[in-house]
């Protein structure tokens, strides 16, 4: 049986989503690939904690 690929996930909105992003990033079967938020400061702060994740602001 072939190995399963990790589930790719994105978090949109980094209010409560910041906690979700940390949980997803720590999960072995999940690949967190994107973070998105309107607030560039929240995006930069969480991006520095999770540096290998792509980031985008919708502004």
C-alpha atoms as a PDB file:
ATOM      1  CA  UNK A   1       0.000   0.000   0.000  1.00  0.00           C
ATOM      2  CA  UNK A   2       1.491   3.401  -0.953  1.00  0.00           C
ATOM      3  CA  UNK A   3       2.321   5.892   1.790  1.00  0.00           C
ATOM      4  CA  UNK A   4      -0.316   8.554   2.334  1.00  0.00           C
ATOM      5  CA  UNK A   5       0.563  12.125   1.504  1.00  0.00           C
ATOM      6  CA  UNK A   6      -0.054  14.707   4.218  1.00  0.00           C
ATOM      7  CA  UNK A   7      -3.213  16.774   4.094  1.00  0.00           C
ATOM      8  CA  UNK A   8      -2.399  20.276   2.815  1.00  0.00           C
ATOM      9  CA  UNK A   9      -4.030  23.044   4.839  1.00  0.00           C
ATOM     10  CA  UNK A  10      -4.335  26.831   4.906  1.00  0.00           C
ATOM     11  CA  UNK A  11      -5.465  29.132   7.681  1.00  0.00           C
ATOM     12  CA  UNK A  12      -7.424  32.236   6.733  1.00  0.00           C
ATOM     13  CA  UNK A  13      -7.813  34.743   9.538  1.00  0.00           C
ATOM     14  CA  UNK A  14      -5.202  34.778  12.267  1.00  0.00           C
ATOM     15  CA  UNK A  15      -7.320  35.824  15.242  1.00  0.00           C
ATOM     16  CA  UNK A  16      -8.394  32.423  16.550  1.00  0.00           C
ATOM     17  CA  UNK A  17      -6.738  30.934  13.462  1.00  0.00           C
ATOM     18  CA  UNK A  18      -3.281  31.499  14.952  1.00  0.00           C
ATOM     19  CA  UNK A  19      -3.974  28.721  17.467  1.00  0.00           C
ATOM     20  CA  UNK A  20      -5.236  26.499  14.656  1.00  0.00           C
ATOM     21  CA  UNK A  21      -2.114  27.219  12.609  1.00  0.00           C
ATOM     22  CA  UNK A  22       0.141  26.061  15.446  1.00  0.00           C
ATOM     23  CA  UNK A  23      -1.913  22.901  15.920  1.00  0.00           C
ATOM     24  CA  UNK A  24      -1.872  22.113  12.203  1.00  0.00           C
ATOM     25  CA  UNK A  25       1.863  22.804  11.899  1.00  0.00           C
ATOM     26  CA  UNK A  26       2.553  20.394  14.774  1.00  0.00           C
ATOM     27  CA  UNK A  27       0.455  17.578  13.299  1.00  0.00           C
ATOM     28  CA  UNK A  28       2.496  14.893  11.533  1.00  0.00           C
ATOM     29  CA  UNK A  29      -0.181  14.169   8.913  1.00  0.00           C
ATOM     30  CA  UNK A  30      -0.758  17.811   7.921  1.00  0.00           C
ATOM     31  CA  UNK A  31       1.316  20.162   5.775  1.00  0.00           C
ATOM     32  CA  UNK A  32       0.400  23.773   6.563  1.00  0.00           C
ATOM     33  CA  UNK A  33       1.067  25.599   3.292  1.00  0.00           C
ATOM     34  CA  UNK A  34      -0.563  29.054   3.577  1.00  0.00           C
ATOM     35  CA  UNK A  35      -1.376  31.714   6.153  1.00  0.00           C
ATOM     36  CA  UNK A  36      -3.684  34.581   5.190  1.00  0.00           C
ATOM     37  CA  UNK A  37      -4.876  37.656   7.075  1.00  0.00           C
ATOM     38  CA  UNK A  38      -5.833  41.287   6.435  1.00  0.00           C
ATOM     39  CA  UNK A  39      -3.544  42.426   9.264  1.00  0.00           C
ATOM     40  CA  UNK A  40       0.065  42.416   8.031  1.00  0.00           C
ATOM     41  CA  UNK A  41       1.401  42.610  11.609  1.00  0.00           C
ATOM     42  CA  UNK A  42      -0.414  39.410  12.646  1.00  0.00           C
ATOM     43  CA  UNK A  43       0.767  37.764   9.450  1.00  0.00           C
ATOM     44  CA  UNK A  44       4.394  38.772  10.024  1.00  0.00           C
ATOM     45  CA  UNK A  45       4.326  37.753  13.695  1.00  0.00           C
ATOM     46  CA  UNK A  46       2.947  34.286  13.055  1.00  0.00           C
ATOM     47  CA  UNK A  47       5.097  33.932   9.953  1.00  0.00           C
ATOM     48  CA  UNK A  48       8.202  34.461  12.079  1.00  0.00           C
ATOM     49  CA  UNK A  49       7.044  31.632  14.361  1.00  0.00           C
ATOM     50  CA  UNK A  50       6.285  29.358  11.382  1.00  0.00           C
ATOM     51  CA  UNK A  51       8.933  30.510   8.872  1.00  0.00           C
ATOM     52  CA  UNK A  52       8.510  27.800   6.226  1.00  0.00           C
ATOM     53  CA  UNK A  53       4.852  28.630   5.603  1.00  0.00           C
ATOM     54  CA  UNK A  54       3.853  30.876   2.684  1.00  0.00           C
ATOM     55  CA  UNK A  55       1.993  34.031   3.642  1.00  0.00           C
ATOM     56  CA  UNK A  56      -0.422  36.321   1.852  1.00  0.00           C
ATOM     57  CA  UNK A  57      -2.299  39.456   2.813  1.00  0.00           C
ATOM     58  CA  UNK A  58      -5.496  40.285   1.005  1.00  0.00           C
ATOM     59  CA  UNK A  59      -4.838  44.028   1.204  1.00  0.00           C
END
